[in-house]
């Protein structure tokens, strides 16, 4: 079971509960193997920090990606400025240099914006998927726990009768 991801584990829990034997006179109650169920829940709990760490790693990677794009844009800007200064002595070339410098700066800014947008979208999507998985896991654990408590309470009542 160690190689399963959280979604696989949740699917196992779902299958376990959906295929469990029903409790007599209890339409929404069932009997499941406690140890097996708790082992799966323990594995989910163990993997959640890994999912959160992965999300943090993605945010850090995005920040490094953006920082790299900014450094590249600054390098392109400095390069364009240096080239423009070299051409300033010749009048005809001055106009061409200024035009090219502005074009390089605009391209660098556009590329930076595009890289920033792509990085943000990628990290946002990854975080959303991680959040969805964690939320679904938590909801499934809560539902399973409530069903287990209900089944245990019903079993105790039946045993008392």
C-alpha atoms as a PDB file:
ATOM      1  CA  UNK A   1       0.000   0.000   0.000  1.00  0.00           C
ATOM      2  CA  UNK A   2       3.065   2.238   0.345  1.00  0.00           C
ATOM      3  CA  UNK A   3       3.184   3.159  -3.363  1.00  0.00           C
ATOM      4  CA  UNK A   4      -0.376   4.491  -3.532  1.00  0.00           C
ATOM      5  CA  UNK A   5      -1.066   8.184  -3.754  1.00  0.00           C
ATOM      6  CA  UNK A   6      -3.748   9.919  -1.719  1.00  0.00           C
ATOM      7  CA  UNK A   7      -6.372   9.658  -4.455  1.00  0.00           C
ATOM      8  CA  UNK A   8      -5.766   5.900  -4.765  1.00  0.00           C
ATOM      9  CA  UNK A   9      -6.070   5.522  -1.005  1.00  0.00           C
ATOM     10  CA  UNK A  10      -9.298   7.493  -0.956  1.00  0.00           C
ATOM     11  CA  UNK A  11     -10.638   5.326  -3.756  1.00  0.00           C
ATOM     12  CA  UNK A  12      -9.740   2.265  -1.675  1.00  0.00           C
ATOM     13  CA  UNK A  13     -11.663   3.692   1.290  1.00  0.00           C
ATOM     14  CA  UNK A  14     -14.628   4.492  -0.926  1.00  0.00           C
ATOM     15  CA  UNK A  15     -14.626   0.982  -2.384  1.00  0.00           C
ATOM     16  CA  UNK A  16     -14.266  -0.540   1.077  1.00  0.00           C
ATOM     17  CA  UNK A  17     -17.278   1.357   2.399  1.00  0.00           C
ATOM     18  CA  UNK A  18     -19.386   0.952  -0.750  1.00  0.00           C
ATOM     19  CA  UNK A  19     -18.785  -2.810  -0.854  1.00  0.00           C
ATOM     20  CA  UNK A  20     -19.161  -3.351   2.899  1.00  0.00           C
ATOM     21  CA  UNK A  21     -21.857  -5.579   4.292  1.00  0.00           C
ATOM     22  CA  UNK A  22     -24.936  -3.682   5.370  1.00  0.00           C
ATOM     23  CA  UNK A  23     -26.092  -3.711   8.974  1.00  0.00           C
ATOM     24  CA  UNK A  24     -29.547  -5.270   9.411  1.00  0.00           C
ATOM     25  CA  UNK A  25     -32.224  -2.567   9.793  1.00  0.00           C
ATOM     26  CA  UNK A  26     -29.635   0.100   9.071  1.00  0.00           C
ATOM     27  CA  UNK A  27     -29.841   1.217   5.446  1.00  0.00           C
ATOM     28  CA  UNK A  28     -26.981   3.716   5.698  1.00  0.00           C
ATOM     29  CA  UNK A  29     -24.748   1.663   7.995  1.00  0.00           C
ATOM     30  CA  UNK A  30     -22.204  -0.993   7.161  1.00  0.00           C
ATOM     31  CA  UNK A  31     -19.484  -3.207   8.603  1.00  0.00           C
ATOM     32  CA  UNK A  32     -15.882  -2.661   7.532  1.00  0.00           C
ATOM     33  CA  UNK A  33     -12.512  -4.049   8.582  1.00  0.00           C
ATOM     34  CA  UNK A  34     -11.365  -1.514  11.172  1.00  0.00           C
ATOM     35  CA  UNK A  35      -7.633  -2.281  10.960  1.00  0.00           C
ATOM     36  CA  UNK A  36      -7.583  -2.100   7.177  1.00  0.00           C
ATOM     37  CA  UNK A  37      -9.588   1.124   7.197  1.00  0.00           C
ATOM     38  CA  UNK A  38      -7.406   2.717   9.892  1.00  0.00           C
ATOM     39  CA  UNK A  39      -4.215   1.660   8.061  1.00  0.00           C
ATOM     40  CA  UNK A  40      -5.401   3.452   4.939  1.00  0.00           C
ATOM     41  CA  UNK A  41      -6.346   6.552   6.959  1.00  0.00           C
ATOM     42  CA  UNK A  42      -2.907   6.482   8.620  1.00  0.00           C
ATOM     43  CA  UNK A  43      -1.229   6.330   5.215  1.00  0.00           C
ATOM     44  CA  UNK A  44      -3.303   9.281   3.993  1.00  0.00           C
ATOM     45  CA  UNK A  45      -2.289  11.235   7.098  1.00  0.00           C
ATOM     46  CA  UNK A  46       1.345  10.348   6.436  1.00  0.00           C
ATOM     47  CA  UNK A  47       1.164  11.516   2.805  1.00  0.00           C
ATOM     48  CA  UNK A  48      -0.601  14.825   3.427  1.00  0.00           C
ATOM     49  CA  UNK A  49       2.590  16.544   4.642  1.00  0.00           C
ATOM     50  CA  UNK A  50       4.301  15.333   1.439  1.00  0.00           C
ATOM     51  CA  UNK A  51       1.537  16.941  -0.662  1.00  0.00           C
ATOM     52  CA  UNK A  52       1.848  20.186   1.318  1.00  0.00           C
ATOM     53  CA  UNK A  53       5.640  20.113   0.974  1.00  0.00           C
ATOM     54  CA  UNK A  54       5.246  19.636  -2.784  1.00  0.00           C
ATOM     55  CA  UNK A  55       2.943  22.667  -2.928  1.00  0.00           C
ATOM     56  CA  UNK A  56       5.518  24.733  -1.006  1.00  0.00           C
ATOM     57  CA  UNK A  57       8.237  23.506  -3.348  1.00  0.00           C
ATOM     58  CA  UNK A  58       6.156  24.612  -6.325  1.00  0.00           C
ATOM     59  CA  UNK A  59       5.679  28.082  -4.828  1.00  0.00           C
ATOM     60  CA  UNK A  60       9.431  28.353  -4.217  1.00  0.00           C
ATOM     61  CA  UNK A  61      10.154  27.168  -7.756  1.00  0.00           C
ATOM     62  CA  UNK A  62       7.722  29.754  -9.121  1.00  0.00           C
ATOM     63  CA  UNK A  63       9.417  32.515  -7.114  1.00  0.00           C
ATOM     64  CA  UNK A  64      12.845  31.416  -8.385  1.00  0.00           C
ATOM     65  CA  UNK A  65      11.469  31.261 -11.932  1.00  0.00           C
ATOM     66  CA  UNK A  66      10.102  34.795 -11.648  1.00  0.00           C
ATOM     67  CA  UNK A  67      13.363  36.042 -10.120  1.00  0.00           C
ATOM     68  CA  UNK A  68      15.312  34.481 -12.964  1.00  0.00           C
ATOM     69  CA  UNK A  69      12.997  36.094 -15.528  1.00  0.00           C
ATOM     70  CA  UNK A  70      13.470  39.491 -13.855  1.00  0.00           C
ATOM     71  CA  UNK A  71      17.251  39.065 -13.863  1.00  0.00           C
ATOM     72  CA  UNK A  72      17.155  38.091 -17.528  1.00  0.00           C
ATOM     73  CA  UNK A  73      14.993  41.109 -18.345  1.00  0.00           C
ATOM     74  CA  UNK A  74      17.377  43.397 -16.451  1.00  0.00           C
ATOM     75  CA  UNK A  75      20.334  41.875 -18.283  1.00  0.00           C
ATOM     76  CA  UNK A  76      18.594  42.439 -21.633  1.00  0.00           C
ATOM     77  CA  UNK A  77      17.794  46.027 -20.614  1.00  0.00           C
ATOM     78  CA  UNK A  78      21.408  46.742 -19.616  1.00  0.00           C
ATOM     79  CA  UNK A  79      22.646  45.169 -22.819  1.00  0.00           C
ATOM     80  CA  UNK A  80      20.277  47.337 -24.858  1.00  0.00           C
ATOM     81  CA  UNK A  81      21.395  50.484 -22.984  1.00  0.00           C
ATOM     82  CA  UNK A  82      25.076  49.693 -23.552  1.00  0.00           C
ATOM     83  CA  UNK A  83      24.466  49.082 -27.228  1.00  0.00           C
ATOM     84  CA  UNK A  84      22.546  52.339 -27.513  1.00  0.00           C
ATOM     85  CA  UNK A  85      25.436  54.287 -25.913  1.00  0.00           C
ATOM     86  CA  UNK A  86      27.908  52.776 -28.366  1.00  0.00           C
ATOM     87  CA  UNK A  87      25.822  53.919 -31.301  1.00  0.00           C
ATOM     88  CA  UNK A  88      25.160  57.439 -29.993  1.00  0.00           C
ATOM     89  CA  UNK A  89      28.156  58.890 -31.874  1.00  0.00           C
ATOM     90  CA  UNK A  90      26.594  58.292 -35.238  1.00  0.00           C
ATOM     91  CA  UNK A  91      23.374  60.242 -35.829  1.00  0.00           C
ATOM     92  CA  UNK A  92      21.691  57.850 -38.209  1.00  0.00           C
ATOM     93  CA  UNK A  93      22.422  54.914 -35.958  1.00  0.00           C
ATOM     94  CA  UNK A  94      21.109  56.754 -32.888  1.00  0.00           C
ATOM     95  CA  UNK A  95      17.519  56.486 -34.108  1.00  0.00           C
ATOM     96  CA  UNK A  96      17.928  52.823 -35.002  1.00  0.00           C
ATOM     97  CA  UNK A  97      19.556  52.097 -31.645  1.00  0.00           C
ATOM     98  CA  UNK A  98      16.820  53.843 -29.703  1.00  0.00           C
ATOM     99  CA  UNK A  99      14.172  51.981 -31.656  1.00  0.00           C
ATOM    100  CA  UNK A 100      15.904  48.627 -31.142  1.00  0.00           C
ATOM    101  CA  UNK A 101      16.498  49.365 -27.452  1.00  0.00           C
ATOM    102  CA  UNK A 102      12.830  50.125 -26.914  1.00  0.00           C
ATOM    103  CA  UNK A 103      11.905  47.021 -28.868  1.00  0.00           C
ATOM    104  CA  UNK A 104      14.203  44.872 -26.727  1.00  0.00           C
ATOM    105  CA  UNK A 105      12.838  46.420 -23.556  1.00  0.00           C
ATOM    106  CA  UNK A 106       9.250  45.872 -24.687  1.00  0.00           C
ATOM    107  CA  UNK A 107      10.069  42.288 -25.656  1.00  0.00           C
ATOM    108  CA  UNK A 108      11.773  41.718 -22.304  1.00  0.00           C
ATOM    109  CA  UNK A 109       8.821  43.193 -20.417  1.00  0.00           C
ATOM    110  CA  UNK A 110       6.377  41.152 -22.474  1.00  0.00           C
ATOM    111  CA  UNK A 111       8.403  38.019 -21.909  1.00  0.00           C
ATOM    112  CA  UNK A 112       8.652  38.732 -18.189  1.00  0.00           C
ATOM    113  CA  UNK A 113       4.886  39.262 -17.999  1.00  0.00           C
ATOM    114  CA  UNK A 114       4.290  36.096 -19.972  1.00  0.00           C
ATOM    115  CA  UNK A 115       6.721  34.052 -17.851  1.00  0.00           C
ATOM    116  CA  UNK A 116       5.173  35.450 -14.689  1.00  0.00           C
ATOM    117  CA  UNK A 117       1.677  34.605 -15.917  1.00  0.00           C
ATOM    118  CA  UNK A 118       2.668  31.077 -16.963  1.00  0.00           C
ATOM    119  CA  UNK A 119       4.441  30.456 -13.669  1.00  0.00           C
ATOM    120  CA  UNK A 120       1.504  31.786 -11.656  1.00  0.00           C
ATOM    121  CA  UNK A 121      -0.987  29.695 -13.625  1.00  0.00           C
ATOM    122  CA  UNK A 122       1.128  26.583 -13.204  1.00  0.00           C
ATOM    123  CA  UNK A 123       1.593  27.048  -9.465  1.00  0.00           C
ATOM    124  CA  UNK A 124      -2.047  28.063  -8.976  1.00  0.00           C
ATOM    125  CA  UNK A 125      -3.218  24.945 -10.807  1.00  0.00           C
ATOM    126  CA  UNK A 126      -0.874  22.715  -8.837  1.00  0.00           C
ATOM    127  CA  UNK A 127      -1.963  24.295  -5.558  1.00  0.00           C
ATOM    128  CA  UNK A 128      -5.621  23.967  -6.575  1.00  0.00           C
ATOM    129  CA  UNK A 129      -5.184  20.294  -7.367  1.00  0.00           C
ATOM    130  CA  UNK A 130      -3.343  19.750  -4.100  1.00  0.00           C
ATOM    131  CA  UNK A 131      -6.017  21.661  -2.194  1.00  0.00           C
ATOM    132  CA  UNK A 132      -8.758  19.630  -3.915  1.00  0.00           C
ATOM    133  CA  UNK A 133      -7.012  16.371  -3.082  1.00  0.00           C
ATOM    134  CA  UNK A 134      -6.462  17.370   0.540  1.00  0.00           C
ATOM    135  CA  UNK A 135     -10.032  18.613   0.860  1.00  0.00           C
ATOM    136  CA  UNK A 136     -11.441  15.460  -0.695  1.00  0.00           C
ATOM    137  CA  UNK A 137      -9.284  13.308   1.559  1.00  0.00           C
ATOM    138  CA  UNK A 138     -10.380  15.218   4.628  1.00  0.00           C
ATOM    139  CA  UNK A 139     -14.049  15.008   3.652  1.00  0.00           C
ATOM    140  CA  UNK A 140     -13.763  11.284   2.969  1.00  0.00           C
ATOM    141  CA  UNK A 141     -12.030  10.698   6.300  1.00  0.00           C
ATOM    142  CA  UNK A 142     -14.720  12.704   8.119  1.00  0.00           C
ATOM    143  CA  UNK A 143     -17.526  10.860   6.336  1.00  0.00           C
ATOM    144  CA  UNK A 144     -15.926   7.504   6.992  1.00  0.00           C
ATOM    145  CA  UNK A 145     -15.353   8.391  10.618  1.00  0.00           C
ATOM    146  CA  UNK A 146     -18.993   9.454  11.044  1.00  0.00           C
ATOM    147  CA  UNK A 147     -20.172   6.250   9.359  1.00  0.00           C
ATOM    148  CA  UNK A 148     -17.874   4.228  11.566  1.00  0.00           C
ATOM    149  CA  UNK A 149     -19.154   5.942  14.716  1.00  0.00           C
ATOM    150  CA  UNK A 150     -22.748   5.373  13.619  1.00  0.00           C
ATOM    151  CA  UNK A 151     -22.048   1.721  12.878  1.00  0.00           C
ATOM    152  CA  UNK A 152     -20.278   1.273  16.203  1.00  0.00           C
ATOM    153  CA  UNK A 153     -23.127   2.944  18.094  1.00  0.00           C
ATOM    154  CA  UNK A 154     -25.688   0.760  16.308  1.00  0.00           C
ATOM    155  CA  UNK A 155     -23.656  -2.349  17.081  1.00  0.00           C
ATOM    156  CA  UNK A 156     -23.506  -1.377  20.752  1.00  0.00           C
ATOM    157  CA  UNK A 157     -27.257  -0.768  20.844  1.00  0.00           C
ATOM    158  CA  UNK A 158     -27.896  -4.106  19.148  1.00  0.00           C
ATOM    159  CA  UNK A 159     -25.554  -5.856  21.563  1.00  0.00           C
ATOM    160  CA  UNK A 160     -27.327  -4.200  24.540  1.00  0.00           C
ATOM    161  CA  UNK A 161     -30.705  -5.389  23.282  1.00  0.00           C
END
